[in-house]
Amino acid sequence: MAILKCMIMVFFFAQATQASYGDQKILQMYDYLDPQNIVPDKALADAVLYFENNKARISNKNFISVIDYTQNSRENRFYIINMNTGAVWNIHVAHGKGSDPDFDGHATSFSNQSGSLKSSLGFYLTAETYYGEHGLSLRMDGLSPSNSNARQRAIVIHGASYVQNVDRVQGRSWGCPAIALNLRDRVIGLLKGGSLIYAAYEK
């Protein structure tokens, strides 16, 4: 994150949420993140603050991620942020079928309820890997009231043939942040074992 972007982000965050001086100092500590300025400012600020304030429960501190469900599924809206170098890798990700009944690539509603087939917003912590219907998959635990049922709903990161890392409307999952099969192993390898993921919707 360039210094100018950090200044803009701190100003925006302070105005929008009346961030404390302490929060602004935390954001300044991470002004090296996202040097290409591609992660949505507010979502990145929220993720960074949560990361810093909850480090004791975050085992994998090498990466945090932001999934911006405000964006259409044709966009690279899954941002994987290297907390050591600041570099960002952004890829395509699916949302739930129930979140996008028109199948136009826009998620418009979210749920924490089993059977909704909708994506859930909030903070997640990645957990253990397993092999299931979609091969190698990564379980996640919801840390927010809006995604507290993630584990019982089997909301996991997995690969899917209906997702490709190209500019087109992606297929829909049953609520999981599904990714392209050819990226699955790399993504899971980076994020497994307690990495923070923030699923955001900023409209």
C-alpha atoms as a PDB file:
ATOM      1  CA  MET A   1       0.000   0.000   0.000  1.00  0.00           C
ATOM      2  CA  ALA A   2       1.564   3.284  -1.047  1.00  0.00           C
ATOM      3  CA  ILE A   3       1.902   6.039   1.551  1.00  0.00           C
ATOM      4  CA  LEU A   4      -0.626   8.186  -0.317  1.00  0.00           C
ATOM      5  CA  LYS A   5      -3.154   5.381  -0.335  1.00  0.00           C
ATOM      6  CA  CYS A   6      -2.590   4.831   3.373  1.00  0.00           C
ATOM      7  CA  MET A   7      -3.296   8.496   4.054  1.00  0.00           C
ATOM      8  CA  ILE A   8      -6.462   8.362   1.977  1.00  0.00           C
ATOM      9  CA  MET A   9      -7.522   5.112   3.620  1.00  0.00           C
ATOM     10  CA  VAL A  10      -6.948   6.475   7.117  1.00  0.00           C
ATOM     11  CA  PHE A  11      -8.953   9.606   6.278  1.00  0.00           C
ATOM     12  CA  PHE A  12     -11.790   7.586   4.733  1.00  0.00           C
ATOM     13  CA  PHE A  13     -11.876   5.128   7.597  1.00  0.00           C
ATOM     14  CA  ALA A  14     -11.811   7.893  10.195  1.00  0.00           C
ATOM     15  CA  GLN A  15     -14.644   9.731   8.498  1.00  0.00           C
ATOM     16  CA  ALA A  16     -16.773   6.650   7.875  1.00  0.00           C
ATOM     17  CA  THR A  17     -16.357   4.903  11.209  1.00  0.00           C
ATOM     18  CA  GLN A  18     -14.920   7.577  13.526  1.00  0.00           C
ATOM     19  CA  ALA A  19     -11.795   5.478  13.904  1.00  0.00           C
ATOM     20  CA  SER A  20      -9.793   6.132  17.029  1.00  0.00           C
ATOM     21  CA  TYR A  21      -6.275   7.493  16.964  1.00  0.00           C
ATOM     22  CA  GLY A  22      -5.108   3.993  17.883  1.00  0.00           C
ATOM     23  CA  ASP A  23      -6.809   2.531  14.818  1.00  0.00           C
ATOM     24  CA  GLN A  24      -5.171   5.111  12.601  1.00  0.00           C
ATOM     25  CA  LYS A  25      -1.776   4.232  14.057  1.00  0.00           C
ATOM     26  CA  ILE A  26      -2.413   0.549  13.324  1.00  0.00           C
ATOM     27  CA  LEU A  27      -3.280   1.337   9.701  1.00  0.00           C
ATOM     28  CA  GLN A  28      -0.100   3.364   9.343  1.00  0.00           C
ATOM     29  CA  MET A  29       1.914   0.360  10.566  1.00  0.00           C
ATOM     30  CA  TYR A  30       0.667  -1.560   7.525  1.00  0.00           C
ATOM     31  CA  ASP A  31       1.140   1.126   4.895  1.00  0.00           C
ATOM     32  CA  TYR A  32       3.399  -1.253   2.945  1.00  0.00           C
ATOM     33  CA  LEU A  33       0.467  -3.484   2.036  1.00  0.00           C
ATOM     34  CA  ASP A  34      -1.047  -3.470  -1.446  1.00  0.00           C
ATOM     35  CA  PRO A  35       1.532  -1.341  -3.317  1.00  0.00           C
ATOM     36  CA  GLN A  36      -0.558  -1.568  -6.514  1.00  0.00           C
ATOM     37  CA  ASN A  37      -3.659  -0.180  -4.782  1.00  0.00           C
ATOM     38  CA  ILE A  38      -6.034  -2.916  -5.913  1.00  0.00           C
ATOM     39  CA  VAL A  39      -7.744  -3.969  -2.665  1.00  0.00           C
ATOM     40  CA  PRO A  40     -10.889  -1.976  -1.760  1.00  0.00           C
ATOM     41  CA  ASP A  41      -9.819   0.543   0.885  1.00  0.00           C
ATOM     42  CA  LYS A  42     -12.536   0.069   3.510  1.00  0.00           C
ATOM     43  CA  ALA A  43     -12.443  -3.726   3.386  1.00  0.00           C
ATOM     44  CA  LEU A  44      -8.651  -3.753   3.656  1.00  0.00           C
ATOM     45  CA  ALA A  45      -8.740  -1.369   6.609  1.00  0.00           C
ATOM     46  CA  ASP A  46     -11.323  -3.520   8.398  1.00  0.00           C
ATOM     47  CA  ALA A  47      -9.273  -6.667   7.769  1.00  0.00           C
ATOM     48  CA  VAL A  48      -6.020  -5.082   8.956  1.00  0.00           C
ATOM     49  CA  LEU A  49      -7.589  -3.778  12.161  1.00  0.00           C
ATOM     50  CA  TYR A  50      -9.171  -7.135  12.940  1.00  0.00           C
ATOM     51  CA  PHE A  51      -5.867  -8.886  12.234  1.00  0.00           C
ATOM     52  CA  GLU A  52      -3.874  -6.619  14.519  1.00  0.00           C
ATOM     53  CA  ASN A  53      -6.430  -6.703  17.334  1.00  0.00           C
ATOM     54  CA  ASN A  54      -6.846 -10.490  17.243  1.00  0.00           C
ATOM     55  CA  LYS A  55      -3.318 -11.728  16.558  1.00  0.00           C
ATOM     56  CA  ALA A  56      -3.396 -14.118  19.491  1.00  0.00           C
ATOM     57  CA  ARG A  57      -6.058 -16.277  17.827  1.00  0.00           C
ATOM     58  CA  ILE A  58      -4.570 -16.123  14.309  1.00  0.00           C
ATOM     59  CA  SER A  59      -2.033 -18.908  13.773  1.00  0.00           C
ATOM     60  CA  ASN A  60      -1.158 -18.252  10.135  1.00  0.00           C
ATOM     61  CA  LYS A  61      -0.005 -14.635  10.162  1.00  0.00           C
ATOM     62  CA  ASN A  62       1.659 -14.810   6.751  1.00  0.00           C
ATOM     63  CA  PHE A  63      -1.490 -14.031   4.771  1.00  0.00           C
ATOM     64  CA  ILE A  64      -4.815 -12.314   5.223  1.00  0.00           C
ATOM     65  CA  SER A  65      -7.496 -12.250   2.549  1.00  0.00           C
ATOM     66  CA  VAL A  66     -10.364 -10.034   1.482  1.00  0.00           C
ATOM     67  CA  ILE A  67     -13.253 -11.313  -0.623  1.00  0.00           C
ATOM     68  CA  ASP A  68     -15.167  -8.324  -1.985  1.00  0.00           C
ATOM     69  CA  TYR A  69     -18.656  -9.562  -2.794  1.00  0.00           C
ATOM     70  CA  THR A  70     -19.573  -6.027  -3.855  1.00  0.00           C
ATOM     71  CA  GLN A  71     -17.789  -6.803  -7.112  1.00  0.00           C
ATOM     72  CA  ASN A  72     -19.198  -8.948  -9.896  1.00  0.00           C
ATOM     73  CA  SER A  73     -17.954 -12.531 -10.069  1.00  0.00           C
ATOM     74  CA  ARG A  74     -16.288 -11.743 -13.400  1.00  0.00           C
ATOM     75  CA  GLU A  75     -13.738  -9.669 -11.454  1.00  0.00           C
ATOM     76  CA  ASN A  76     -10.653 -10.822  -9.518  1.00  0.00           C
ATOM     77  CA  ARG A  77     -12.261 -10.138  -6.145  1.00  0.00           C
ATOM     78  CA  PHE A  78     -10.481 -12.641  -3.861  1.00  0.00           C
ATOM     79  CA  TYR A  79      -7.448 -10.698  -2.604  1.00  0.00           C
ATOM     80  CA  ILE A  80      -4.705 -12.720  -0.910  1.00  0.00           C
ATOM     81  CA  ILE A  81      -2.344 -10.340   0.872  1.00  0.00           C
ATOM     82  CA  ASN A  82       1.187 -11.300   1.854  1.00  0.00           C
ATOM     83  CA  MET A  83       1.703  -9.760   5.293  1.00  0.00           C
ATOM     84  CA  ASN A  84       5.480 -10.040   4.981  1.00  0.00           C
ATOM     85  CA  THR A  85       5.990  -8.358   1.596  1.00  0.00           C
ATOM     86  CA  GLY A  86       2.714  -6.501   1.088  1.00  0.00           C
ATOM     87  CA  ALA A  87       2.148  -8.113  -2.304  1.00  0.00           C
ATOM     88  CA  VAL A  88      -1.397  -8.990  -3.359  1.00  0.00           C
ATOM     89  CA  TRP A  89      -2.550 -11.899  -5.501  1.00  0.00           C
ATOM     90  CA  ASN A  90      -6.151 -11.513  -6.630  1.00  0.00           C
ATOM     91  CA  ILE A  91      -8.173 -14.260  -8.264  1.00  0.00           C
ATOM     92  CA  HIS A  92     -11.741 -15.131  -9.206  1.00  0.00           C
ATOM     93  CA  VAL A  93     -14.106 -16.672  -6.666  1.00  0.00           C
ATOM     94  CA  ALA A  94     -17.689 -17.913  -6.758  1.00  0.00           C
ATOM     95  CA  HIS A  95     -20.535 -16.908  -4.481  1.00  0.00           C
ATOM     96  CA  GLY A  96     -23.616 -18.831  -3.448  1.00  0.00           C
ATOM     97  CA  LYS A  97     -26.451 -19.662  -5.806  1.00  0.00           C
ATOM     98  CA  GLY A  98     -28.948 -18.237  -3.350  1.00  0.00           C
ATOM     99  CA  SER A  99     -27.036 -14.960  -3.224  1.00  0.00           C
ATOM    100  CA  ASP A 100     -27.396 -14.481  -6.982  1.00  0.00           C
ATOM    101  CA  PRO A 101     -30.776 -15.860  -8.122  1.00  0.00           C
ATOM    102  CA  ASP A 102     -30.586 -13.943 -11.417  1.00  0.00           C
ATOM    103  CA  PHE A 103     -27.186 -15.507 -12.213  1.00  0.00           C
ATOM    104  CA  ASP A 104     -25.822 -12.183 -13.414  1.00  0.00           C
ATOM    105  CA  GLY A 105     -22.646 -12.311 -11.342  1.00  0.00           C
ATOM    106  CA  HIS A 106     -23.872  -9.925  -8.644  1.00  0.00           C
ATOM    107  CA  ALA A 107     -24.385 -11.225  -5.112  1.00  0.00           C
ATOM    108  CA  THR A 108     -27.330  -9.333  -3.645  1.00  0.00           C
ATOM    109  CA  SER A 109     -28.238 -11.199  -0.450  1.00  0.00           C
ATOM    110  CA  PHE A 110     -26.398 -13.171   2.203  1.00  0.00           C
ATOM    111  CA  SER A 111     -27.324 -15.616   4.926  1.00  0.00           C
ATOM    112  CA  ASN A 112     -25.988 -17.644   7.830  1.00  0.00           C
ATOM    113  CA  GLN A 113     -28.753 -20.231   7.561  1.00  0.00           C
ATOM    114  CA  SER A 114     -28.318 -23.837   6.475  1.00  0.00           C
ATOM    115  CA  GLY A 115     -30.090 -24.604   3.223  1.00  0.00           C
ATOM    116  CA  SER A 116     -30.040 -21.002   2.012  1.00  0.00           C
ATOM    117  CA  LEU A 117     -27.311 -21.682  -0.571  1.00  0.00           C
ATOM    118  CA  LYS A 118     -26.126 -18.142   0.152  1.00  0.00           C
ATOM    119  CA  SER A 119     -22.697 -16.767   0.917  1.00  0.00           C
ATOM    120  CA  SER A 120     -22.054 -15.399   4.410  1.00  0.00           C
ATOM    121  CA  LEU A 121     -20.301 -12.150   5.237  1.00  0.00           C
ATOM    122  CA  GLY A 122     -17.847 -11.490   8.044  1.00  0.00           C
ATOM    123  CA  PHE A 123     -14.501 -12.668   9.367  1.00  0.00           C
ATOM    124  CA  TYR A 124     -13.366 -16.266   8.999  1.00  0.00           C
ATOM    125  CA  LEU A 125     -10.414 -18.241  10.269  1.00  0.00           C
ATOM    126  CA  THR A 126      -9.189 -21.083   8.094  1.00  0.00           C
ATOM    127  CA  ALA A 127      -8.828 -24.456   9.756  1.00  0.00           C
ATOM    128  CA  GLU A 128      -7.906 -27.978   8.656  1.00  0.00           C
ATOM    129  CA  THR A 129      -7.759 -29.446   5.173  1.00  0.00           C
ATOM    130  CA  TYR A 130      -9.640 -32.567   4.097  1.00  0.00           C
ATOM    131  CA  TYR A 131     -10.485 -34.498   0.953  1.00  0.00           C
ATOM    132  CA  GLY A 132     -14.160 -34.476   0.032  1.00  0.00           C
ATOM    133  CA  GLU A 133     -16.498 -34.302  -2.927  1.00  0.00           C
ATOM    134  CA  HIS A 134     -14.377 -31.543  -4.468  1.00  0.00           C
ATOM    135  CA  GLY A 135     -11.008 -33.064  -3.611  1.00  0.00           C
ATOM    136  CA  LEU A 136      -8.657 -31.062  -1.415  1.00  0.00           C
ATOM    137  CA  SER A 137     -10.711 -28.552   0.586  1.00  0.00           C
ATOM    138  CA  LEU A 138     -10.118 -26.118   3.441  1.00  0.00           C
ATOM    139  CA  ARG A 139     -12.546 -25.765   6.330  1.00  0.00           C
ATOM    140  CA  MET A 140     -13.320 -22.341   7.767  1.00  0.00           C
ATOM    141  CA  ASP A 141     -14.775 -21.190  11.061  1.00  0.00           C
ATOM    142  CA  GLY A 142     -16.948 -18.094  11.174  1.00  0.00           C
ATOM    143  CA  LEU A 143     -15.876 -15.454  13.679  1.00  0.00           C
ATOM    144  CA  SER A 144     -18.820 -13.086  13.170  1.00  0.00           C
ATOM    145  CA  PRO A 145     -22.526 -13.389  14.038  1.00  0.00           C
ATOM    146  CA  SER A 146     -23.224 -13.251  10.301  1.00  0.00           C
ATOM    147  CA  ASN A 147     -21.187 -16.429   9.576  1.00  0.00           C
ATOM    148  CA  SER A 148     -21.193 -18.341  12.867  1.00  0.00           C
ATOM    149  CA  ASN A 149     -22.725 -21.415  11.202  1.00  0.00           C
ATOM    150  CA  ALA A 150     -19.975 -21.729   8.597  1.00  0.00           C
ATOM    151  CA  ARG A 151     -18.625 -25.034   9.862  1.00  0.00           C
ATOM    152  CA  GLN A 152     -21.993 -26.758  10.216  1.00  0.00           C
ATOM    153  CA  ARG A 153     -22.970 -25.425   6.781  1.00  0.00           C
ATOM    154  CA  ALA A 154     -19.696 -26.820   5.352  1.00  0.00           C
ATOM    155  CA  ILE A 155     -18.694 -23.435   3.969  1.00  0.00           C
ATOM    156  CA  VAL A 156     -15.191 -24.255   2.753  1.00  0.00           C
ATOM    157  CA  ILE A 157     -12.643 -23.221   0.162  1.00  0.00           C
ATOM    158  CA  HIS A 158     -12.596 -25.764  -2.639  1.00  0.00           C
ATOM    159  CA  GLY A 159     -11.868 -25.987  -6.328  1.00  0.00           C
ATOM    160  CA  ALA A 160     -14.682 -26.195  -8.858  1.00  0.00           C
ATOM    161  CA  SER A 161     -14.926 -26.710 -12.599  1.00  0.00           C
ATOM    162  CA  TYR A 162     -17.495 -23.893 -12.809  1.00  0.00           C
ATOM    163  CA  VAL A 163     -14.875 -21.333 -11.735  1.00  0.00           C
ATOM    164  CA  GLN A 164     -12.095 -20.255 -14.067  1.00  0.00           C
ATOM    165  CA  ASN A 165      -9.619 -17.463 -13.534  1.00  0.00           C
ATOM    166  CA  VAL A 166     -10.866 -15.493 -16.551  1.00  0.00           C
ATOM    167  CA  ASP A 167     -13.061 -12.441 -17.082  1.00  0.00           C
ATOM    168  CA  ARG A 168     -16.531 -13.957 -17.188  1.00  0.00           C
ATOM    169  CA  VAL A 169     -19.463 -14.500 -14.860  1.00  0.00           C
ATOM    170  CA  GLN A 170     -18.486 -17.489 -12.731  1.00  0.00           C
ATOM    171  CA  GLY A 171     -20.677 -20.412 -11.795  1.00  0.00           C
ATOM    172  CA  ARG A 172     -22.342 -20.433  -8.398  1.00  0.00           C
ATOM    173  CA  SER A 173     -21.647 -22.578  -5.355  1.00  0.00           C
ATOM    174  CA  TRP A 174     -23.903 -23.617  -2.475  1.00  0.00           C
ATOM    175  CA  GLY A 175     -22.392 -20.799  -0.419  1.00  0.00           C
ATOM    176  CA  CYS A 176     -18.692 -21.668  -0.560  1.00  0.00           C
ATOM    177  CA  PRO A 177     -15.969 -19.350  -1.885  1.00  0.00           C
ATOM    178  CA  ALA A 178     -15.102 -21.818  -4.650  1.00  0.00           C
ATOM    179  CA  ILE A 179     -12.043 -21.139  -6.817  1.00  0.00           C
ATOM    180  CA  ALA A 180     -10.541 -22.452 -10.051  1.00  0.00           C
ATOM    181  CA  LEU A 181      -9.305 -26.034  -9.855  1.00  0.00           C
ATOM    182  CA  ASN A 182      -5.854 -25.137 -11.138  1.00  0.00           C
ATOM    183  CA  LEU A 183      -5.382 -22.625  -8.291  1.00  0.00           C
ATOM    184  CA  ARG A 184      -6.850 -24.766  -5.507  1.00  0.00           C
ATOM    185  CA  ASP A 185      -3.693 -26.386  -4.151  1.00  0.00           C
ATOM    186  CA  ARG A 186      -1.696 -23.163  -4.130  1.00  0.00           C
ATOM    187  CA  VAL A 187      -4.416 -21.136  -2.421  1.00  0.00           C
ATOM    188  CA  ILE A 188      -5.098 -23.776   0.214  1.00  0.00           C
ATOM    189  CA  GLY A 189      -1.382 -24.214   0.803  1.00  0.00           C
ATOM    190  CA  LEU A 190      -1.005 -20.509   1.545  1.00  0.00           C
ATOM    191  CA  LEU A 191      -4.097 -20.076   3.702  1.00  0.00           C
ATOM    192  CA  LYS A 192      -4.464 -23.293   5.691  1.00  0.00           C
ATOM    193  CA  GLY A 193      -3.850 -23.434   9.424  1.00  0.00           C
ATOM    194  CA  GLY A 194      -5.489 -20.307  10.772  1.00  0.00           C
ATOM    195  CA  SER A 195      -5.370 -17.491   8.223  1.00  0.00           C
ATOM    196  CA  LEU A 196      -7.834 -14.585   8.432  1.00  0.00           C
ATOM    197  CA  ILE A 197     -10.355 -14.101   5.623  1.00  0.00           C
ATOM    198  CA  TYR A 198     -12.780 -11.167   5.479  1.00  0.00           C
ATOM    199  CA  ALA A 199     -15.843 -11.528   3.257  1.00  0.00           C
ATOM    200  CA  ALA A 200     -17.118  -7.999   2.699  1.00  0.00           C
ATOM    201  CA  TYR A 201     -20.005  -6.244   1.009  1.00  0.00           C
ATOM    202  CA  GLU A 202     -19.614  -2.476   1.071  1.00  0.00           C
ATOM    203  CA  LYS A 203     -22.822  -1.122  -0.523  1.00  0.00           C
END
